[in-house]
PDB file of N, CA and C in Angstrom:
ATOM      1  N   MET A   1       0.836  -1.187   0.000  1.00  0.00           N
ATOM      2  CA  MET A   1       0.000   0.000   0.000  1.00  0.00           C
ATOM      3  C   MET A   1       0.879   1.247   0.000  1.00  0.00           C
ATOM      4  N   PHE A   2       0.499   2.211  -0.780  1.00  0.00           N
ATOM      5  CA  PHE A   2       1.212   3.484  -0.874  1.00  0.00           C
ATOM      6  C   PHE A   2       0.161   4.583  -0.888  1.00  0.00           C
ATOM      7  N   LYS A   3       0.183   5.434   0.152  1.00  0.00           N
ATOM      8  CA  LYS A   3      -0.828   6.479   0.267  1.00  0.00           C
ATOM      9  C   LYS A   3      -0.135   7.789   0.629  1.00  0.00           C
ATOM     10  N   VAL A   4      -0.408   8.838  -0.151  1.00  0.00           N
ATOM     11  CA  VAL A   4       0.184  10.154   0.081  1.00  0.00           C
ATOM     12  C   VAL A   4      -0.943  11.157   0.255  1.00  0.00           C
ATOM     13  N   GLU A   5      -0.825  12.007   1.280  1.00  0.00           N
ATOM     14  CA  GLU A   5      -1.836  13.032   1.508  1.00  0.00           C
ATOM     15  C   GLU A   5      -1.182  14.326   1.973  1.00  0.00           C
ATOM     16  N   ASN A   6      -1.848  15.428   1.676  1.00  0.00           N
ATOM     17  CA  ASN A   6      -1.360  16.731   2.112  1.00  0.00           C
ATOM     18  C   ASN A   6      -1.638  16.921   3.598  1.00  0.00           C
ATOM     19  N   THR A   7      -0.763  17.676   4.258  1.00  0.00           N
ATOM     20  CA  THR A   7      -0.956  18.087   5.644  1.00  0.00           C
ATOM     21  C   THR A   7      -0.857  19.610   5.689  1.00  0.00           C
ATOM     22  N   ASN A   8      -1.054  20.193   6.860  1.00  0.00           N
ATOM     23  CA  ASN A   8      -0.945  21.651   6.990  1.00  0.00           C
ATOM     24  C   ASN A   8       0.458  22.163   6.706  1.00  0.00           C
ATOM     25  N   SER A   9       1.461  21.296   6.935  1.00  0.00           N
ATOM     26  CA  SER A   9       2.844  21.749   6.781  1.00  0.00           C
ATOM     27  C   SER A   9       3.618  21.019   5.699  1.00  0.00           C
ATOM     28  N   GLY A  10       2.934  20.208   4.879  1.00  0.00           N
ATOM     29  CA  GLY A  10       3.627  19.478   3.821  1.00  0.00           C
ATOM     30  C   GLY A  10       2.854  18.263   3.362  1.00  0.00           C
ATOM     31  N   VAL A  11       3.503  17.085   3.463  1.00  0.00           N
ATOM     32  CA  VAL A  11       2.940  15.844   2.939  1.00  0.00           C
ATOM     33  C   VAL A  11       3.255  14.704   3.903  1.00  0.00           C
ATOM     34  N   LYS A  12       2.315  13.751   3.995  1.00  0.00           N
ATOM     35  CA  LYS A  12       2.541  12.550   4.786  1.00  0.00           C
ATOM     36  C   LYS A  12       2.243  11.354   3.905  1.00  0.00           C
ATOM     37  N   ALA A  13       3.131  10.362   3.931  1.00  0.00           N
ATOM     38  CA  ALA A  13       2.961   9.176   3.096  1.00  0.00           C
ATOM     39  C   ALA A  13       3.101   7.918   3.938  1.00  0.00           C
ATOM     40  N   PHE A  14       2.249   6.936   3.670  1.00  0.00           N
ATOM     41  CA  PHE A  14       2.368   5.623   4.294  1.00  0.00           C
ATOM     42  C   PHE A  14       2.798   4.639   3.222  1.00  0.00           C
ATOM     43  N   LEU A  15       3.844   3.867   3.507  1.00  0.00           N
ATOM     44  CA  LEU A  15       4.331   2.848   2.585  1.00  0.00           C
ATOM     45  C   LEU A  15       4.245   1.506   3.280  1.00  0.00           C
ATOM     46  N   GLY A  16       3.305   0.690   2.864  1.00  0.00           N
ATOM     47  CA  GLY A  16       3.114  -0.624   3.450  1.00  0.00           C
ATOM     48  C   GLY A  16       4.193  -1.592   3.009  1.00  0.00           C
ATOM     49  N   GLY A  17       4.631  -2.434   3.942  1.00  0.00           N
ATOM     50  CA  GLY A  17       5.613  -3.456   3.618  1.00  0.00           C
ATOM     51  C   GLY A  17       7.054  -2.978   3.605  1.00  0.00           C
ATOM     52  N   PHE A  18       7.302  -1.738   4.008  1.00  0.00           N
ATOM     53  CA  PHE A  18       8.657  -1.199   4.040  1.00  0.00           C
ATOM     54  C   PHE A  18       9.094  -0.989   5.483  1.00  0.00           C
ATOM     55  N   SER A  19      10.379  -1.169   5.739  1.00  0.00           N
ATOM     56  CA  SER A  19      10.895  -0.865   7.069  1.00  0.00           C
ATOM     57  C   SER A  19      11.352   0.592   7.096  1.00  0.00           C
ATOM     58  N   ALA A  20      11.238   1.198   8.254  1.00  0.00           N
ATOM     59  CA  ALA A  20      11.661   2.586   8.402  1.00  0.00           C
ATOM     60  C   ALA A  20      13.150   2.725   8.095  1.00  0.00           C
ATOM     61  N   GLU A  21      13.952   1.756   8.487  1.00  0.00           N
ATOM     62  CA  GLU A  21      15.403   1.832   8.252  1.00  0.00           C
ATOM     63  C   GLU A  21      15.730   1.861   6.763  1.00  0.00           C
ATOM     64  N   ASP A  22      15.073   1.000   5.976  1.00  0.00           N
ATOM     65  CA  ASP A  22      15.296   0.997   4.523  1.00  0.00           C
ATOM     66  C   ASP A  22      14.911   2.340   3.908  1.00  0.00           C
ATOM     67  N   LEU A  23      13.782   2.888   4.352  1.00  0.00           N
ATOM     68  CA  LEU A  23      13.332   4.169   3.807  1.00  0.00           C
ATOM     69  C   LEU A  23      14.257   5.308   4.237  1.00  0.00           C
ATOM     70  N   ARG A  24      14.761   5.270   5.467  1.00  0.00           N
ATOM     71  CA  ARG A  24      15.706   6.304   5.917  1.00  0.00           C
ATOM     72  C   ARG A  24      16.942   6.329   5.025  1.00  0.00           C
ATOM     73  N   THR A  25      17.423   5.150   4.653  1.00  0.00           N
ATOM     74  CA  THR A  25      18.596   5.069   3.775  1.00  0.00           C
ATOM     75  C   THR A  25      18.298   5.698   2.425  1.00  0.00           C
ATOM     76  N   LYS A  26      17.160   5.359   1.845  1.00  0.00           N
ATOM     77  CA  LYS A  26      16.789   5.916   0.530  1.00  0.00           C
ATOM     78  C   LYS A  26      16.586   7.426   0.607  1.00  0.00           C
ATOM     79  N   VAL A  27      15.910   7.897   1.651  1.00  0.00           N
ATOM     80  CA  VAL A  27      15.672   9.334   1.823  1.00  0.00           C
ATOM     81  C   VAL A  27      16.996  10.074   1.981  1.00  0.00           C
ATOM     82  N   SER A  28      17.897   9.511   2.765  1.00  0.00           N
ATOM     83  CA  SER A  28      19.211  10.128   2.975  1.00  0.00           C
ATOM     84  C   SER A  28      19.974  10.257   1.665  1.00  0.00           C
ATOM     85  N   GLU A  29      19.923   9.221   0.838  1.00  0.00           N
ATOM     86  CA  GLU A  29      20.597   9.267  -0.464  1.00  0.00           C
ATOM     87  C   GLU A  29      20.020  10.375  -1.341  1.00  0.00           C
ATOM     88  N   CYS A  30      18.710  10.555  -1.320  1.00  0.00           N
ATOM     89  CA  CYS A  30      18.082  11.612  -2.113  1.00  0.00           C
ATOM     90  C   CYS A  30      18.477  12.995  -1.580  1.00  0.00           C
ATOM     91  N   GLN A  31      18.479  13.138  -0.261  1.00  0.00           N
ATOM     92  CA  GLN A  31      18.847  14.425   0.333  1.00  0.00           C
ATOM     93  C   GLN A  31      20.294  14.793   0.013  1.00  0.00           C
ATOM     94  N   ASP A  32      21.165  13.784  -0.055  1.00  0.00           N
ATOM     95  CA  ASP A  32      22.581  14.025  -0.337  1.00  0.00           C
ATOM     96  C   ASP A  32      22.870  14.152  -1.829  1.00  0.00           C
ATOM     97  N   GLY A  33      21.876  13.848  -2.665  1.00  0.00           N
ATOM     98  CA  GLY A  33      22.082  13.884  -4.109  1.00  0.00           C
ATOM     99  C   GLY A  33      22.800  12.662  -4.634  1.00  0.00           C
ATOM    100  N   ASN A  34      22.831  11.583  -3.846  1.00  0.00           N
ATOM    101  CA  ASN A  34      23.539  10.359  -4.233  1.00  0.00           C
ATOM    102  C   ASN A  34      22.603   9.235  -4.651  1.00  0.00           C
ATOM    103  N   CYS A  35      21.365   9.569  -4.971  1.00  0.00           N
ATOM    104  CA  CYS A  35      20.407   8.525  -5.333  1.00  0.00           C
ATOM    105  C   CYS A  35      20.461   8.252  -6.838  1.00  0.00           C
ATOM    106  N   SER A  36      19.903   7.111  -7.208  1.00  0.00           N
ATOM    107  CA  SER A  36      19.878   6.734  -8.621  1.00  0.00           C
ATOM    108  C   SER A  36      18.531   7.038  -9.258  1.00  0.00           C
ATOM    109  N   CYS A  37      17.658   7.724  -8.520  1.00  0.00           N
ATOM    110  CA  CYS A  37      16.338   8.039  -9.062  1.00  0.00           C
ATOM    111  C   CYS A  37      16.311   9.474  -9.592  1.00  0.00           C
ATOM    112  N   ASP A  38      15.152   9.882 -10.046  1.00  0.00           N
ATOM    113  CA  ASP A  38      15.009  11.195 -10.671  1.00  0.00           C
ATOM    114  C   ASP A  38      14.558  12.266  -9.680  1.00  0.00           C
ATOM    115  N   CYS A  39      15.262  12.406  -8.577  1.00  0.00           N
ATOM    116  CA  CYS A  39      14.924  13.451  -7.609  1.00  0.00           C
ATOM    117  C   CYS A  39      15.164  14.815  -8.244  1.00  0.00           C
ATOM    118  N   ASP A  40      14.249  15.708  -8.026  1.00  0.00           N
ATOM    119  CA  ASP A  40      14.352  17.059  -8.555  1.00  0.00           C
ATOM    120  C   ASP A  40      15.064  17.928  -7.516  1.00  0.00           C
ATOM    121  N   PRO A  41      16.293  18.394  -7.810  1.00  0.00           N
ATOM    122  CA  PRO A  41      17.022  19.213  -6.837  1.00  0.00           C
ATOM    123  C   PRO A  41      16.236  20.447  -6.394  1.00  0.00           C
ATOM    124  N   ALA A  42      15.464  21.051  -7.293  1.00  0.00           N
ATOM    125  CA  ALA A  42      14.669  22.230  -6.933  1.00  0.00           C
ATOM    126  C   ALA A  42      13.598  21.843  -5.912  1.00  0.00           C
ATOM    127  N   MET A  43      13.011  20.669  -6.064  1.00  0.00           N
ATOM    128  CA  MET A  43      12.004  20.203  -5.108  1.00  0.00           C
ATOM    129  C   MET A  43      12.660  19.909  -3.764  1.00  0.00           C
ATOM    130  N   MET A  44      13.828  19.303  -3.782  1.00  0.00           N
ATOM    131  CA  MET A  44      14.509  18.978  -2.528  1.00  0.00           C
ATOM    132  C   MET A  44      14.820  20.247  -1.732  1.00  0.00           C
ATOM    133  N   GLN A  45      15.068  21.362  -2.405  1.00  0.00           N
ATOM    134  CA  GLN A  45      15.365  22.613  -1.716  1.00  0.00           C
ATOM    135  C   GLN A  45      14.132  23.196  -1.029  1.00  0.00           C
ATOM    136  N   LYS A  46      12.932  22.804  -1.460  1.00  0.00           N
ATOM    137  CA  LYS A  46      11.690  23.291  -0.861  1.00  0.00           C
ATOM    138  C   LYS A  46      11.338  22.534   0.418  1.00  0.00           C
ATOM    139  N   ILE A  47      12.042  21.431   0.668  1.00  0.00           N
ATOM    140  CA  ILE A  47      11.757  20.586   1.823  1.00  0.00           C
ATOM    141  C   ILE A  47      12.586  21.059   3.015  1.00  0.00           C
ATOM    142  N   THR A  48      11.910  21.282   4.143  1.00  0.00           N
ATOM    143  CA  THR A  48      12.612  21.720   5.355  1.00  0.00           C
ATOM    144  C   THR A  48      12.978  20.552   6.258  1.00  0.00           C
ATOM    145  N   SER A  49      12.194  19.467   6.238  1.00  0.00           N
ATOM    146  CA  SER A  49      12.541  18.284   7.026  1.00  0.00           C
ATOM    147  C   SER A  49      11.808  17.056   6.493  1.00  0.00           C
ATOM    148  N   ILE A  50      12.422  15.898   6.742  1.00  0.00           N
ATOM    149  CA  ILE A  50      11.826  14.611   6.384  1.00  0.00           C
ATOM    150  C   ILE A  50      12.006  13.690   7.586  1.00  0.00           C
ATOM    151  N   GLU A  51      10.886  13.140   8.062  1.00  0.00           N
ATOM    152  CA  GLU A  51      10.923  12.212   9.189  1.00  0.00           C
ATOM    153  C   GLU A  51      10.356  10.873   8.736  1.00  0.00           C
ATOM    154  N   VAL A  52      11.029   9.797   9.132  1.00  0.00           N
ATOM    155  CA  VAL A  52      10.567   8.447   8.808  1.00  0.00           C
ATOM    156  C   VAL A  52      10.306   7.723  10.125  1.00  0.00           C
ATOM    157  N   GLU A  53       9.102   7.154  10.241  1.00  0.00           N
ATOM    158  CA  GLU A  53       8.721   6.458  11.459  1.00  0.00           C
ATOM    159  C   GLU A  53       8.164   5.079  11.130  1.00  0.00           C
ATOM    160  N   SER A  54       8.473   4.124  11.992  1.00  0.00           N
ATOM    161  CA  SER A  54       7.916   2.770  11.845  1.00  0.00           C
ATOM    162  C   SER A  54       6.442   2.786  12.191  1.00  0.00           C
ATOM    163  N   GLU A  55       5.675   2.033  11.437  1.00  0.00           N
ATOM    164  CA  GLU A  55       4.247   1.853  11.688  1.00  0.00           C
ATOM    165  C   GLU A  55       3.964   0.361  11.593  1.00  0.00           C
ATOM    166  N   GLN A  56       2.810  -0.043  12.075  1.00  0.00           N
ATOM    167  CA  GLN A  56       2.418  -1.433  11.914  1.00  0.00           C
ATOM    168  C   GLN A  56       2.250  -1.705  10.418  1.00  0.00           C
ATOM    169  N   ASN A  57       2.908  -2.708   9.917  1.00  0.00           N
ATOM    170  CA  ASN A  57       2.841  -3.136   8.512  1.00  0.00           C
ATOM    171  C   ASN A  57       3.509  -2.170   7.536  1.00  0.00           C
ATOM    172  N   GLY A  58       4.403  -1.288   8.001  1.00  0.00           N
ATOM    173  CA  GLY A  58       5.084  -0.386   7.075  1.00  0.00           C
ATOM    174  C   GLY A  58       5.754   0.768   7.772  1.00  0.00           C
ATOM    175  N   ALA A  59       5.821   1.892   7.082  1.00  0.00           N
ATOM    176  CA  ALA A  59       6.468   3.087   7.611  1.00  0.00           C
ATOM    177  C   ALA A  59       5.772   4.334   7.078  1.00  0.00           C
ATOM    178  N   THR A  60       5.901   5.424   7.838  1.00  0.00           N
ATOM    179  CA  THR A  60       5.331   6.709   7.447  1.00  0.00           C
ATOM    180  C   THR A  60       6.455   7.701   7.228  1.00  0.00           C
ATOM    181  N   ILE A  61       6.353   8.464   6.149  1.00  0.00           N
ATOM    182  CA  ILE A  61       7.299   9.538   5.865  1.00  0.00           C
ATOM    183  C   ILE A  61       6.527  10.848   5.957  1.00  0.00           C
ATOM    184  N   THR A  62       7.014  11.759   6.792  1.00  0.00           N
ATOM    185  CA  THR A  62       6.424  13.084   6.921  1.00  0.00           C
ATOM    186  C   THR A  62       7.402  14.086   6.332  1.00  0.00           C
ATOM    187  N   ILE A  63       6.957  14.792   5.314  1.00  0.00           N
ATOM    188  CA  ILE A  63       7.795  15.772   4.621  1.00  0.00           C
ATOM    189  C   ILE A  63       7.220  17.152   4.892  1.00  0.00           C
ATOM    190  N   LYS A  64       8.036  18.017   5.464  1.00  0.00           N
ATOM    191  CA  LYS A  64       7.594  19.384   5.748  1.00  0.00           C
ATOM    192  C   LYS A  64       8.286  20.342   4.788  1.00  0.00           C
ATOM    193  N   GLY A  65       7.516  21.335   4.344  1.00  0.00           N
ATOM    194  CA  GLY A  65       8.044  22.332   3.428  1.00  0.00           C
ATOM    195  C   GLY A  65       6.999  22.739   2.414  1.00  0.00           C
ATOM    196  N   ASP A  66       7.442  23.401   1.367  1.00  0.00           N
ATOM    197  CA  ASP A  66       6.565  23.905   0.319  1.00  0.00           C
ATOM    198  C   ASP A  66       6.356  22.822  -0.740  1.00  0.00           C
ATOM    199  N   VAL A  67       5.674  21.736  -0.337  1.00  0.00           N
ATOM    200  CA  VAL A  67       5.430  20.596  -1.217  1.00  0.00           C
ATOM    201  C   VAL A  67       3.960  20.194  -1.127  1.00  0.00           C
ATOM    202  N   ASN A  68       3.474  19.494  -2.160  1.00  0.00           N
ATOM    203  CA  ASN A  68       2.118  18.953  -2.097  1.00  0.00           C
ATOM    204  C   ASN A  68       2.100  17.553  -2.690  1.00  0.00           C
ATOM    205  N   ALA A  69       1.107  16.791  -2.306  1.00  0.00           N
ATOM    206  CA  ALA A  69       1.025  15.381  -2.663  1.00  0.00           C
ATOM    207  C   ALA A  69       1.008  15.154  -4.170  1.00  0.00           C
ATOM    208  N   ALA A  70       0.298  15.987  -4.913  1.00  0.00           N
ATOM    209  CA  ALA A  70       0.175  15.788  -6.360  1.00  0.00           C
ATOM    210  C   ALA A  70       1.525  15.872  -7.062  1.00  0.00           C
ATOM    211  N   VAL A  71       2.406  16.730  -6.576  1.00  0.00           N
ATOM    212  CA  VAL A  71       3.716  16.914  -7.210  1.00  0.00           C
ATOM    213  C   VAL A  71       4.724  15.880  -6.717  1.00  0.00           C
ATOM    214  N   ILE A  72       4.709  15.619  -5.423  1.00  0.00           N
ATOM    215  CA  ILE A  72       5.762  14.777  -4.851  1.00  0.00           C
ATOM    216  C   ILE A  72       5.473  13.277  -4.954  1.00  0.00           C
ATOM    217  N   GLU A  73       4.213  12.895  -5.082  1.00  0.00           N
ATOM    218  CA  GLU A  73       3.894  11.462  -5.144  1.00  0.00           C
ATOM    219  C   GLU A  73       4.592  10.733  -6.292  1.00  0.00           C
ATOM    220  N   PRO A  74       4.593  11.262  -7.522  1.00  0.00           N
ATOM    221  CA  PRO A  74       5.295  10.545  -8.601  1.00  0.00           C
ATOM    222  C   PRO A  74       6.792  10.388  -8.330  1.00  0.00           C
ATOM    223  N   MET A  75       7.420  11.394  -7.722  1.00  0.00           N
ATOM    224  CA  MET A  75       8.847  11.289  -7.392  1.00  0.00           C
ATOM    225  C   MET A  75       9.064  10.233  -6.323  1.00  0.00           C
ATOM    226  N   MET A  76       8.182  10.202  -5.339  1.00  0.00           N
ATOM    227  CA  MET A  76       8.318   9.197  -4.275  1.00  0.00           C
ATOM    228  C   MET A  76       8.144   7.791  -4.839  1.00  0.00           C
ATOM    229  N   ARG A  77       7.199   7.623  -5.737  1.00  0.00           N
ATOM    230  CA  ARG A  77       6.995   6.302  -6.352  1.00  0.00           C
ATOM    231  C   ARG A  77       8.255   5.868  -7.096  1.00  0.00           C
ATOM    232  N   GLY A  78       8.848   6.784  -7.842  1.00  0.00           N
ATOM    233  CA  GLY A  78      10.039   6.456  -8.614  1.00  0.00           C
ATOM    234  C   GLY A  78      11.253   6.185  -7.756  1.00  0.00           C
ATOM    235  N   CYS A  79      11.357   6.861  -6.638  1.00  0.00           N
ATOM    236  CA  CYS A  79      12.542   6.717  -5.794  1.00  0.00           C
ATOM    237  C   CYS A  79      12.417   5.633  -4.737  1.00  0.00           C
ATOM    238  N   LEU A  80      11.241   5.435  -4.209  1.00  0.00           N
ATOM    239  CA  LEU A  80      11.095   4.568  -3.045  1.00  0.00           C
ATOM    240  C   LEU A  80      10.490   3.202  -3.338  1.00  0.00           C
ATOM    241  N   LEU A  81       9.724   3.084  -4.413  1.00  0.00           N
ATOM    242  CA  LEU A  81       9.054   1.803  -4.665  1.00  0.00           C
ATOM    243  C   LEU A  81       9.831   0.934  -5.618  1.00  0.00           C
TER     244      LEU A  81
END
């Protein structure tokens, strides 16, 4: 399951079947510019913080900044799934 929704301060996504540790590694690579996916550097600059938390049956990523689900969901699918 992959679900992305807007919040008051950014975007929250639930990724079923993923561990928080695996997602932290992928997120860190994108933040550092060392990922193999199509992360948009301009979009990464709009993000003020990214938090990854373990959930039952998956993990949640909370992204704060000037982002919205419609724009960031395709990038997340390409980078994380």
